Amino acid sequence: MEFETFDVDTGVLRKQGGKFVDLGGDFSTASKRLKGNLEDLGEPWADADFGEIFGQVYTPIRDGILTSMNSLAERLQKVGYNLQDMARNYDASEASNNGLLNGVSGEL
């Protein structure tokens, strides 16, 4: 009887998890910068003939995009933290299993 096995490189999980955390942080920073830049612009269309209508369309779309960007940043970071947690859990499980197997083999 042959057993199939798989290996988990927890170092890679940790490293990639860190990259997701960093990516989420970078995305959050970019989102805040975009929001600040848009606020600095104000409403240059306000005095135009179409200003009121444009503002009614633009503002909810802008706000929705900014909300989505913030949500994506948080989710990217969460993926990263989850990958890092997975690596820690796998290492802890592996250490526990090795300890149990060593104890059993010492009894034989």
N, C-alpha and C. Protein backbone atom coordinates (compact mmCIF):
# COMPACT_ATOMS: atom_id res chain seq x y z
N MET A 1 0.84 -1.17 0.00
CA MET A 1 0.00 0.00 0.00
C MET A 1 0.89 1.24 0.00
N GLU A 2 0.65 2.09 -0.94
CA GLU A 2 1.46 3.31 -1.06
C GLU A 2 0.59 4.52 -0.69
N PHE A 3 1.16 5.36 0.16
CA PHE A 3 0.45 6.56 0.58
C PHE A 3 0.95 7.76 -0.20
N GLU A 4 0.02 8.56 -0.64
CA GLU A 4 0.41 9.80 -1.29
C GLU A 4 0.60 10.87 -0.23
N THR A 5 1.60 11.67 -0.42
CA THR A 5 1.88 12.74 0.53
C THR A 5 1.97 14.07 -0.21
N PHE A 6 1.93 15.09 0.56
CA PHE A 6 2.15 16.42 -0.01
C PHE A 6 2.98 17.20 0.99
N ASP A 7 3.74 18.11 0.46
CA ASP A 7 4.58 18.95 1.30
C ASP A 7 4.07 20.37 1.25
N VAL A 8 4.14 21.02 2.39
CA VAL A 8 3.76 22.43 2.48
C VAL A 8 5.01 23.21 2.87
N ASP A 9 5.37 24.16 2.05
CA ASP A 9 6.52 25.02 2.35
C ASP A 9 6.00 26.22 3.13
N THR A 10 6.07 26.11 4.45
CA THR A 10 5.50 27.17 5.28
C THR A 10 6.27 28.48 5.15
N GLY A 11 7.53 28.39 4.79
CA GLY A 11 8.30 29.61 4.55
C GLY A 11 7.72 30.41 3.39
N VAL A 12 7.30 29.69 2.35
CA VAL A 12 6.69 30.35 1.19
C VAL A 12 5.34 30.94 1.58
N LEU A 13 4.57 30.21 2.38
CA LEU A 13 3.27 30.74 2.82
C LEU A 13 3.47 32.04 3.59
N ARG A 14 4.45 32.03 4.50
CA ARG A 14 4.72 33.24 5.28
C ARG A 14 5.15 34.40 4.38
N LYS A 15 6.06 34.09 3.46
CA LYS A 15 6.59 35.14 2.57
C LYS A 15 5.48 35.71 1.69
N GLN A 16 4.70 34.85 1.09
CA GLN A 16 3.62 35.32 0.22
C GLN A 16 2.54 36.02 1.04
N GLY A 17 2.29 35.54 2.25
CA GLY A 17 1.35 36.21 3.13
C GLY A 17 1.80 37.63 3.41
N GLY A 18 3.09 37.79 3.68
CA GLY A 18 3.64 39.13 3.90
C GLY A 18 3.48 40.03 2.70
N LYS A 19 3.63 39.44 1.51
CA LYS A 19 3.47 40.24 0.28
C LYS A 19 2.02 40.70 0.12
N PHE A 20 1.08 39.84 0.46
CA PHE A 20 -0.33 40.24 0.40
C PHE A 20 -0.62 41.35 1.40
N VAL A 21 -0.06 41.23 2.60
CA VAL A 21 -0.25 42.27 3.61
C VAL A 21 0.31 43.60 3.09
N ASP A 22 1.53 43.54 2.53
CA ASP A 22 2.14 44.75 1.98
C ASP A 22 1.33 45.33 0.82
N LEU A 23 0.85 44.45 -0.05
CA LEU A 23 0.04 44.88 -1.19
C LEU A 23 -1.22 45.58 -0.71
N GLY A 24 -1.87 45.00 0.28
CA GLY A 24 -3.07 45.63 0.84
C GLY A 24 -2.75 46.99 1.44
N GLY A 25 -1.62 47.09 2.13
CA GLY A 25 -1.21 48.37 2.69
C GLY A 25 -0.93 49.41 1.61
N ASP A 26 -0.24 48.99 0.56
CA ASP A 26 0.05 49.89 -0.57
C ASP A 26 -1.25 50.35 -1.23
N PHE A 27 -2.17 49.42 -1.38
CA PHE A 27 -3.44 49.75 -2.02
C PHE A 27 -4.23 50.73 -1.15
N SER A 28 -4.17 50.52 0.16
CA SER A 28 -4.85 51.43 1.08
C SER A 28 -4.25 52.83 0.99
N THR A 29 -2.94 52.90 0.93
CA THR A 29 -2.25 54.19 0.81
C THR A 29 -2.64 54.89 -0.49
N ALA A 30 -2.69 54.13 -1.58
CA ALA A 30 -3.08 54.70 -2.87
C ALA A 30 -4.52 55.19 -2.83
N SER A 31 -5.39 54.45 -2.18
CA SER A 31 -6.78 54.85 -2.06
C SER A 31 -6.91 56.16 -1.29
N LYS A 32 -6.18 56.27 -0.19
CA LYS A 32 -6.21 57.50 0.60
C LYS A 32 -5.64 58.69 -0.19
N ARG A 33 -4.59 58.42 -0.93
CA ARG A 33 -4.00 59.49 -1.75
C ARG A 33 -4.98 59.94 -2.83
N LEU A 34 -5.65 58.99 -3.47
CA LEU A 34 -6.65 59.34 -4.48
C LEU A 34 -7.77 60.16 -3.87
N LYS A 35 -8.25 59.72 -2.70
CA LYS A 35 -9.32 60.45 -2.03
C LYS A 35 -8.89 61.88 -1.72
N GLY A 36 -7.68 62.03 -1.20
CA GLY A 36 -7.16 63.36 -0.89
C GLY A 36 -7.03 64.23 -2.12
N ASN A 37 -6.53 63.65 -3.21
CA ASN A 37 -6.38 64.41 -4.45
C ASN A 37 -7.73 64.85 -5.01
N LEU A 38 -8.71 63.96 -4.93
CA LEU A 38 -10.05 64.32 -5.42
C LEU A 38 -10.68 65.41 -4.54
N GLU A 39 -10.46 65.31 -3.24
CA GLU A 39 -10.98 66.35 -2.34
C GLU A 39 -10.31 67.69 -2.62
N ASP A 40 -9.01 67.65 -2.90
CA ASP A 40 -8.28 68.88 -3.20
C ASP A 40 -8.80 69.55 -4.48
N LEU A 41 -9.27 68.73 -5.42
CA LEU A 41 -9.82 69.28 -6.67
C LEU A 41 -11.14 70.01 -6.42
N GLY A 42 -11.84 69.56 -5.41
CA GLY A 42 -13.14 70.15 -5.13
C GLY A 42 -14.15 69.78 -6.20
N GLU A 43 -14.95 70.75 -6.59
CA GLU A 43 -15.98 70.52 -7.61
C GLU A 43 -15.81 71.56 -8.72
N PRO A 44 -14.80 71.37 -9.56
CA PRO A 44 -14.54 72.37 -10.60
C PRO A 44 -15.69 72.51 -11.61
N TRP A 45 -16.58 71.58 -11.63
CA TRP A 45 -17.73 71.61 -12.55
C TRP A 45 -18.93 72.38 -11.97
N ALA A 46 -18.81 72.79 -10.73
CA ALA A 46 -19.96 73.37 -10.02
C ALA A 46 -20.57 74.58 -10.76
N ASP A 47 -19.76 75.40 -11.38
CA ASP A 47 -20.28 76.60 -12.05
C ASP A 47 -20.72 76.34 -13.49
N ALA A 48 -20.48 75.14 -13.98
CA ALA A 48 -20.88 74.82 -15.36
C ALA A 48 -22.38 74.60 -15.43
N ASP A 49 -22.92 74.72 -16.64
CA ASP A 49 -24.35 74.51 -16.85
C ASP A 49 -24.80 73.11 -16.41
N PHE A 50 -23.94 72.17 -16.59
CA PHE A 50 -24.27 70.78 -16.26
C PHE A 50 -23.78 70.39 -14.86
N GLY A 51 -23.27 71.33 -14.10
CA GLY A 51 -22.62 71.06 -12.82
C GLY A 51 -23.44 70.27 -11.83
N GLU A 52 -24.69 70.66 -11.65
CA GLU A 52 -25.53 69.98 -10.67
C GLU A 52 -25.78 68.53 -11.07
N ILE A 53 -26.11 68.32 -12.33
CA ILE A 53 -26.38 66.96 -12.82
C ILE A 53 -25.11 66.11 -12.75
N PHE A 54 -23.99 66.71 -13.17
CA PHE A 54 -22.72 65.98 -13.13
C PHE A 54 -22.40 65.55 -11.69
N GLY A 55 -22.56 66.46 -10.75
CA GLY A 55 -22.29 66.16 -9.35
C GLY A 55 -23.18 65.05 -8.81
N GLN A 56 -24.44 65.03 -9.24
CA GLN A 56 -25.36 63.98 -8.79
C GLN A 56 -24.94 62.60 -9.30
N VAL A 57 -24.32 62.58 -10.46
CA VAL A 57 -23.86 61.30 -11.02
C VAL A 57 -22.48 60.94 -10.48
N TYR A 58 -21.58 61.91 -10.47
CA TYR A 58 -20.19 61.69 -10.11
C TYR A 58 -20.01 61.30 -8.65
N THR A 59 -20.64 62.00 -7.74
CA THR A 59 -20.39 61.81 -6.31
C THR A 59 -20.66 60.38 -5.83
N PRO A 60 -21.81 59.78 -6.14
CA PRO A 60 -22.02 58.40 -5.68
C PRO A 60 -21.05 57.40 -6.32
N ILE A 61 -20.70 57.65 -7.57
CA ILE A 61 -19.75 56.74 -8.23
C ILE A 61 -18.38 56.87 -7.56
N ARG A 62 -17.94 58.08 -7.33
CA ARG A 62 -16.66 58.32 -6.66
C ARG A 62 -16.65 57.66 -5.29
N ASP A 63 -17.70 57.88 -4.53
CA ASP A 63 -17.76 57.32 -3.18
C ASP A 63 -17.77 55.79 -3.21
N GLY A 64 -18.47 55.23 -4.17
CA GLY A 64 -18.51 53.77 -4.31
C GLY A 64 -17.15 53.20 -4.66
N ILE A 65 -16.44 53.86 -5.55
CA ILE A 65 -15.10 53.40 -5.93
C ILE A 65 -14.17 53.47 -4.73
N LEU A 66 -14.21 54.56 -3.99
CA LEU A 66 -13.34 54.69 -2.83
C LEU A 66 -13.66 53.64 -1.77
N THR A 67 -14.94 53.37 -1.55
CA THR A 67 -15.34 52.34 -0.60
C THR A 67 -14.84 50.97 -1.06
N SER A 68 -14.98 50.69 -2.34
CA SER A 68 -14.53 49.41 -2.89
C SER A 68 -13.01 49.26 -2.77
N MET A 69 -12.30 50.35 -3.02
CA MET A 69 -10.84 50.29 -2.91
C MET A 69 -10.42 50.01 -1.47
N ASN A 70 -11.07 50.63 -0.51
CA ASN A 70 -10.75 50.38 0.89
C ASN A 70 -11.06 48.93 1.27
N SER A 71 -12.18 48.43 0.79
CA SER A 71 -12.56 47.05 1.08
C SER A 71 -11.55 46.07 0.47
N LEU A 72 -11.13 46.34 -0.76
CA LEU A 72 -10.15 45.47 -1.40
C LEU A 72 -8.84 45.48 -0.63
N ALA A 73 -8.41 46.63 -0.18
CA ALA A 73 -7.16 46.73 0.59
C ALA A 73 -7.26 45.86 1.85
N GLU A 74 -8.37 45.96 2.55
CA GLU A 74 -8.56 45.16 3.77
C GLU A 74 -8.57 43.67 3.45
N ARG A 75 -9.21 43.30 2.37
CA ARG A 75 -9.32 41.88 2.01
C ARG A 75 -7.97 41.31 1.58
N LEU A 76 -7.18 42.11 0.86
CA LEU A 76 -5.84 41.65 0.49
C LEU A 76 -5.00 41.40 1.73
N GLN A 77 -5.08 42.30 2.69
CA GLN A 77 -4.33 42.11 3.93
C GLN A 77 -4.84 40.88 4.68
N LYS A 78 -6.14 40.67 4.69
CA LYS A 78 -6.71 39.51 5.37
C LYS A 78 -6.22 38.21 4.74
N VAL A 79 -6.12 38.17 3.42
CA VAL A 79 -5.58 36.99 2.74
C VAL A 79 -4.15 36.75 3.24
N GLY A 80 -3.37 37.81 3.31
CA GLY A 80 -2.00 37.68 3.78
C GLY A 80 -1.91 37.15 5.20
N TYR A 81 -2.73 37.71 6.10
CA TYR A 81 -2.72 37.24 7.48
C TYR A 81 -3.18 35.79 7.56
N ASN A 82 -4.16 35.42 6.73
CA ASN A 82 -4.64 34.04 6.73
C ASN A 82 -3.57 33.07 6.25
N LEU A 83 -2.79 33.46 5.25
CA LEU A 83 -1.69 32.61 4.78
C LEU A 83 -0.65 32.44 5.87
N GLN A 84 -0.35 33.51 6.59
CA GLN A 84 0.62 33.43 7.67
C GLN A 84 0.08 32.55 8.81
N ASP A 85 -1.20 32.68 9.13
CA ASP A 85 -1.81 31.82 10.14
C ASP A 85 -1.77 30.36 9.71
N MET A 86 -2.02 30.12 8.44
CA MET A 86 -1.99 28.76 7.92
C MET A 86 -0.59 28.15 8.11
N ALA A 87 0.43 28.94 7.84
CA ALA A 87 1.80 28.45 8.01
C ALA A 87 2.07 28.11 9.48
N ARG A 88 1.66 29.00 10.38
CA ARG A 88 1.87 28.75 11.81
C ARG A 88 1.11 27.49 12.26
N ASN A 89 -0.13 27.36 11.82
CA ASN A 89 -0.94 26.20 12.20
C ASN A 89 -0.35 24.90 11.65
N TYR A 90 0.12 24.96 10.43
CA TYR A 90 0.71 23.76 9.83
C TYR A 90 1.98 23.37 10.58
N ASP A 91 2.83 24.35 10.90
CA ASP A 91 4.06 24.06 11.65
C ASP A 91 3.74 23.49 13.03
N ALA A 92 2.74 24.06 13.70
CA ALA A 92 2.36 23.57 15.02
C ALA A 92 1.82 22.14 14.93
N SER A 93 1.01 21.87 13.93
CA SER A 93 0.46 20.53 13.74
C SER A 93 1.57 19.54 13.41
N GLU A 94 2.48 19.94 12.57
CA GLU A 94 3.61 19.08 12.19
C GLU A 94 4.48 18.76 13.40
N ALA A 95 4.74 19.76 14.22
CA ALA A 95 5.55 19.54 15.42
C ALA A 95 4.83 18.60 16.39
N SER A 96 3.54 18.80 16.55
CA SER A 96 2.75 17.95 17.44
C SER A 96 2.74 16.51 16.94
N ASN A 97 2.50 16.34 15.65
CA ASN A 97 2.47 14.99 15.07
C ASN A 97 3.83 14.31 15.19
N ASN A 98 4.89 15.06 14.94
CA ASN A 98 6.23 14.48 15.06
C ASN A 98 6.49 14.05 16.50
N GLY A 99 6.05 14.87 17.45
CA GLY A 99 6.22 14.51 18.85
C GLY A 99 5.47 13.24 19.20
N LEU A 100 4.25 13.14 18.72
CA LEU A 100 3.45 11.94 18.98
C LEU A 100 4.08 10.70 18.34
N LEU A 101 4.54 10.83 17.09
CA LEU A 101 5.14 9.69 16.40
C LEU A 101 6.44 9.27 17.07
N ASN A 102 7.22 10.24 17.51
CA ASN A 102 8.46 9.91 18.21
C ASN A 102 8.18 9.20 19.52
N GLY A 103 7.11 9.64 20.20
CA GLY A 103 6.72 8.97 21.45
C GLY A 103 6.28 7.55 21.21
N VAL A 104 5.51 7.33 20.15
CA VAL A 104 5.01 6.00 19.82
C VAL A 104 6.18 5.11 19.39
N SER A 105 7.07 5.63 18.56
CA SER A 105 8.19 4.81 18.08
C SER A 105 9.15 4.48 19.22
N GLY A 106 9.24 5.35 20.23
CA GLY A 106 10.08 5.06 21.39
C GLY A 106 9.51 3.96 22.26
N GLU A 107 8.21 3.78 22.18
CA GLU A 107 7.55 2.75 22.97
C GLU A 107 7.67 1.38 22.32
N LEU A 108 7.98 1.34 21.02
CA LEU A 108 8.05 0.05 20.32
C LEU A 108 9.31 -0.66 20.58
